[in-house]
Amino acid sequence: MTPRLRLLLLTLALCVCACAVVGQDTKHEAQLRTVRGVVADKSSEDPVPSAVVFLRNTRTNAVRSYIANEEGGYRFSGLDPNVDYEIHAEKDGAKSATRTISSFDSKKEIVLNLKIENKKG
């Protein structure tokens, strides 16, 4: 085998490997999930802007946070479908119930509205 042919075959093999890796990354990205919703006041149903939404990965205990927009909306993307998450919202000492996002839920996009109950007195 000539050196030139050997170089050509090596280059071809590297291209095939690179394409396989890119294909795997695309497949993994296609499986990632998103959770979104609205933070609202439990009694009035009004949106709660600037509420802080906390998302905890139950496998690693890593916590991500998001400040709700003016309409109370929040969104987390890039979630591992094989991990359970816990999510809740807080604003001025008031807190929503903690909800679980299960790895057994096969939906790619999960809509989860959170209700904050204001503290009394």
C-alpha atoms as a PDB file:
ATOM      1  CA  MET A   1       0.000   0.000   0.000  1.00  0.00           C
ATOM      2  CA  THR A   2       1.429   3.341  -1.008  1.00  0.00           C
ATOM      3  CA  PRO A   3       1.786   6.144   1.558  1.00  0.00           C
ATOM      4  CA  ARG A   4      -0.651   8.242  -0.435  1.00  0.00           C
ATOM      5  CA  LEU A   5      -3.340   5.517  -0.383  1.00  0.00           C
ATOM      6  CA  ARG A   6      -2.734   4.926   3.326  1.00  0.00           C
ATOM      7  CA  LEU A   7      -3.230   8.658   4.000  1.00  0.00           C
ATOM      8  CA  LEU A   8      -6.419   8.680   1.932  1.00  0.00           C
ATOM      9  CA  LEU A   9      -7.836   5.687   3.855  1.00  0.00           C
ATOM     10  CA  LEU A  10      -6.910   7.245   7.195  1.00  0.00           C
ATOM     11  CA  THR A  11      -8.607  10.517   6.216  1.00  0.00           C
ATOM     12  CA  LEU A  12     -11.721   8.633   5.110  1.00  0.00           C
ATOM     13  CA  ALA A  13     -11.831   6.676   8.401  1.00  0.00           C
ATOM     14  CA  LEU A  14     -11.536   9.896  10.418  1.00  0.00           C
ATOM     15  CA  CYS A  15     -14.404  11.476   8.452  1.00  0.00           C
ATOM     16  CA  VAL A  16     -16.636   8.455   9.118  1.00  0.00           C
ATOM     17  CA  CYS A  17     -15.843   8.568  12.850  1.00  0.00           C
ATOM     18  CA  ALA A  18     -16.500  12.320  13.014  1.00  0.00           C
ATOM     19  CA  CYS A  19     -19.878  11.894  11.298  1.00  0.00           C
ATOM     20  CA  ALA A  20     -20.841   9.141  13.748  1.00  0.00           C
ATOM     21  CA  VAL A  21     -20.002  11.347  16.749  1.00  0.00           C
ATOM     22  CA  VAL A  22     -21.985  14.289  15.351  1.00  0.00           C
ATOM     23  CA  GLY A  23     -24.944  11.954  14.747  1.00  0.00           C
ATOM     24  CA  GLN A  24     -24.835  10.761  18.366  1.00  0.00           C
ATOM     25  CA  ASP A  25     -24.804  14.336  19.703  1.00  0.00           C
ATOM     26  CA  THR A  26     -27.776  15.252  17.532  1.00  0.00           C
ATOM     27  CA  LYS A  27     -29.665  12.168  18.733  1.00  0.00           C
ATOM     28  CA  HIS A  28     -28.921  13.033  22.386  1.00  0.00           C
ATOM     29  CA  GLU A  29     -30.035  16.649  21.868  1.00  0.00           C
ATOM     30  CA  ALA A  30     -33.269  15.432  20.272  1.00  0.00           C
ATOM     31  CA  GLN A  31     -34.060  13.507  23.467  1.00  0.00           C
ATOM     32  CA  LEU A  32     -33.552  16.454  25.843  1.00  0.00           C
ATOM     33  CA  ARG A  33     -36.656  17.863  27.525  1.00  0.00           C
ATOM     34  CA  THR A  34     -38.037  21.292  28.375  1.00  0.00           C
ATOM     35  CA  VAL A  35     -40.244  22.350  31.272  1.00  0.00           C
ATOM     36  CA  ARG A  36     -42.129  25.633  31.146  1.00  0.00           C
ATOM     37  CA  GLY A  37     -45.078  27.260  32.828  1.00  0.00           C
ATOM     38  CA  VAL A  38     -46.467  30.237  34.667  1.00  0.00           C
ATOM     39  CA  VAL A  39     -46.060  31.222  38.297  1.00  0.00           C
ATOM     40  CA  ALA A  40     -49.391  32.522  39.635  1.00  0.00           C
ATOM     41  CA  ASP A  41     -50.901  33.645  42.935  1.00  0.00           C
ATOM     42  CA  LYS A  42     -52.863  30.723  44.371  1.00  0.00           C
ATOM     43  CA  SER A  43     -55.909  32.754  45.433  1.00  0.00           C
ATOM     44  CA  SER A  44     -56.201  35.372  42.682  1.00  0.00           C
ATOM     45  CA  GLU A  45     -54.664  33.391  39.768  1.00  0.00           C
ATOM     46  CA  ASP A  46     -52.733  36.576  38.844  1.00  0.00           C
ATOM     47  CA  PRO A  47     -49.252  36.032  37.384  1.00  0.00           C
ATOM     48  CA  VAL A  48     -46.356  36.592  39.782  1.00  0.00           C
ATOM     49  CA  PRO A  49     -43.609  38.441  37.894  1.00  0.00           C
ATOM     50  CA  SER A  50     -40.038  38.190  39.185  1.00  0.00           C
ATOM     51  CA  ALA A  51     -40.747  35.024  41.180  1.00  0.00           C
ATOM     52  CA  VAL A  52     -37.671  32.805  41.364  1.00  0.00           C
ATOM     53  CA  VAL A  53     -38.212  29.278  40.059  1.00  0.00           C
ATOM     54  CA  PHE A  54     -35.799  26.614  41.341  1.00  0.00           C
ATOM     55  CA  LEU A  55     -35.148  23.359  39.455  1.00  0.00           C
ATOM     56  CA  ARG A  56     -33.180  20.650  41.309  1.00  0.00           C
ATOM     57  CA  ASN A  57     -31.639  17.623  39.621  1.00  0.00           C
ATOM     58  CA  THR A  58     -32.345  14.840  42.135  1.00  0.00           C
ATOM     59  CA  ARG A  59     -29.382  12.763  40.909  1.00  0.00           C
ATOM     60  CA  THR A  60     -26.678  15.437  41.329  1.00  0.00           C
ATOM     61  CA  ASN A  61     -28.491  17.966  43.573  1.00  0.00           C
ATOM     62  CA  ALA A  62     -27.481  20.691  41.092  1.00  0.00           C
ATOM     63  CA  VAL A  63     -29.936  23.602  41.212  1.00  0.00           C
ATOM     64  CA  ARG A  64     -30.821  25.927  38.340  1.00  0.00           C
ATOM     65  CA  SER A  65     -32.904  29.065  38.828  1.00  0.00           C
ATOM     66  CA  TYR A  66     -34.977  31.290  36.579  1.00  0.00           C
ATOM     67  CA  ILE A  67     -36.564  34.674  37.316  1.00  0.00           C
ATOM     68  CA  ALA A  68     -40.112  34.675  35.949  1.00  0.00           C
ATOM     69  CA  ASN A  69     -40.893  37.304  33.324  1.00  0.00           C
ATOM     70  CA  GLU A  70     -43.610  39.989  33.583  1.00  0.00           C
ATOM     71  CA  GLU A  71     -46.307  37.433  32.703  1.00  0.00           C
ATOM     72  CA  GLY A  72     -45.000  35.012  35.359  1.00  0.00           C
ATOM     73  CA  GLY A  73     -43.526  32.729  32.690  1.00  0.00           C
ATOM     74  CA  TYR A  74     -40.464  30.541  33.152  1.00  0.00           C
ATOM     75  CA  ARG A  75     -38.625  27.958  31.039  1.00  0.00           C
ATOM     76  CA  PHE A  76     -35.848  25.408  31.551  1.00  0.00           C
ATOM     77  CA  SER A  77     -34.465  23.533  28.554  1.00  0.00           C
ATOM     78  CA  GLY A  78     -31.820  20.882  27.999  1.00  0.00           C
ATOM     79  CA  LEU A  79     -33.140  18.567  30.714  1.00  0.00           C
ATOM     80  CA  ASP A  80     -31.872  14.985  30.802  1.00  0.00           C
ATOM     81  CA  PRO A  81     -34.819  12.634  30.158  1.00  0.00           C
ATOM     82  CA  ASN A  82     -33.275   9.982  32.461  1.00  0.00           C
ATOM     83  CA  VAL A  83     -33.248  12.187  35.561  1.00  0.00           C
ATOM     84  CA  ASP A  84     -35.995  13.218  37.997  1.00  0.00           C
ATOM     85  CA  TYR A  85     -36.242  16.923  38.874  1.00  0.00           C
ATOM     86  CA  GLU A  86     -37.964  18.884  41.647  1.00  0.00           C
ATOM     87  CA  ILE A  87     -39.304  22.349  40.943  1.00  0.00           C
ATOM     88  CA  HIS A  88     -40.827  25.142  43.042  1.00  0.00           C
ATOM     89  CA  ALA A  89     -41.191  28.927  42.991  1.00  0.00           C
ATOM     90  CA  GLU A  90     -40.592  31.591  45.649  1.00  0.00           C
ATOM     91  CA  LYS A  91     -41.373  35.291  45.945  1.00  0.00           C
ATOM     92  CA  ASP A  92     -41.105  37.551  49.022  1.00  0.00           C
ATOM     93  CA  GLY A  93     -41.079  34.660  51.472  1.00  0.00           C
ATOM     94  CA  ALA A  94     -44.036  32.887  49.842  1.00  0.00           C
ATOM     95  CA  LYS A  95     -43.447  29.516  48.221  1.00  0.00           C
ATOM     96  CA  SER A  96     -45.253  27.115  45.899  1.00  0.00           C
ATOM     97  CA  ALA A  97     -45.574  23.409  46.520  1.00  0.00           C
ATOM     98  CA  THR A  98     -42.624  21.372  45.264  1.00  0.00           C
ATOM     99  CA  ARG A  99     -43.532  19.362  42.177  1.00  0.00           C
ATOM    100  CA  THR A 100     -41.665  16.406  40.688  1.00  0.00           C
ATOM    101  CA  ILE A 101     -40.785  15.946  37.037  1.00  0.00           C
ATOM    102  CA  SER A 102     -40.405  12.204  36.592  1.00  0.00           C
ATOM    103  CA  SER A 103     -38.017  10.465  34.224  1.00  0.00           C
ATOM    104  CA  PHE A 104     -40.942   8.100  33.509  1.00  0.00           C
ATOM    105  CA  ASP A 105     -42.849  11.001  31.888  1.00  0.00           C
ATOM    106  CA  SER A 106     -41.976  10.600  28.209  1.00  0.00           C
ATOM    107  CA  LYS A 107     -43.157  14.055  27.087  1.00  0.00           C
ATOM    108  CA  LYS A 108     -40.463  16.172  25.461  1.00  0.00           C
ATOM    109  CA  GLU A 109     -42.117  19.444  26.579  1.00  0.00           C
ATOM    110  CA  ILE A 110     -43.743  19.568  29.999  1.00  0.00           C
ATOM    111  CA  VAL A 111     -46.050  22.414  31.028  1.00  0.00           C
ATOM    112  CA  LEU A 112     -46.133  22.866  34.789  1.00  0.00           C
ATOM    113  CA  ASN A 113     -47.853  25.900  36.325  1.00  0.00           C
ATOM    114  CA  LEU A 114     -46.830  26.789  39.872  1.00  0.00           C
ATOM    115  CA  LYS A 115     -49.109  28.474  42.443  1.00  0.00           C
ATOM    116  CA  ILE A 116     -47.624  30.619  45.191  1.00  0.00           C
ATOM    117  CA  GLU A 117     -49.590  30.972  48.396  1.00  0.00           C
ATOM    118  CA  ASN A 118     -48.959  34.321  50.063  1.00  0.00           C
ATOM    119  CA  LYS A 119     -48.045  34.267  53.736  1.00  0.00           C
ATOM    120  CA  LYS A 120     -50.739  35.504  56.090  1.00  0.00           C
ATOM    121  CA  GLY A 121     -49.914  38.388  58.427  1.00  0.00           C
END
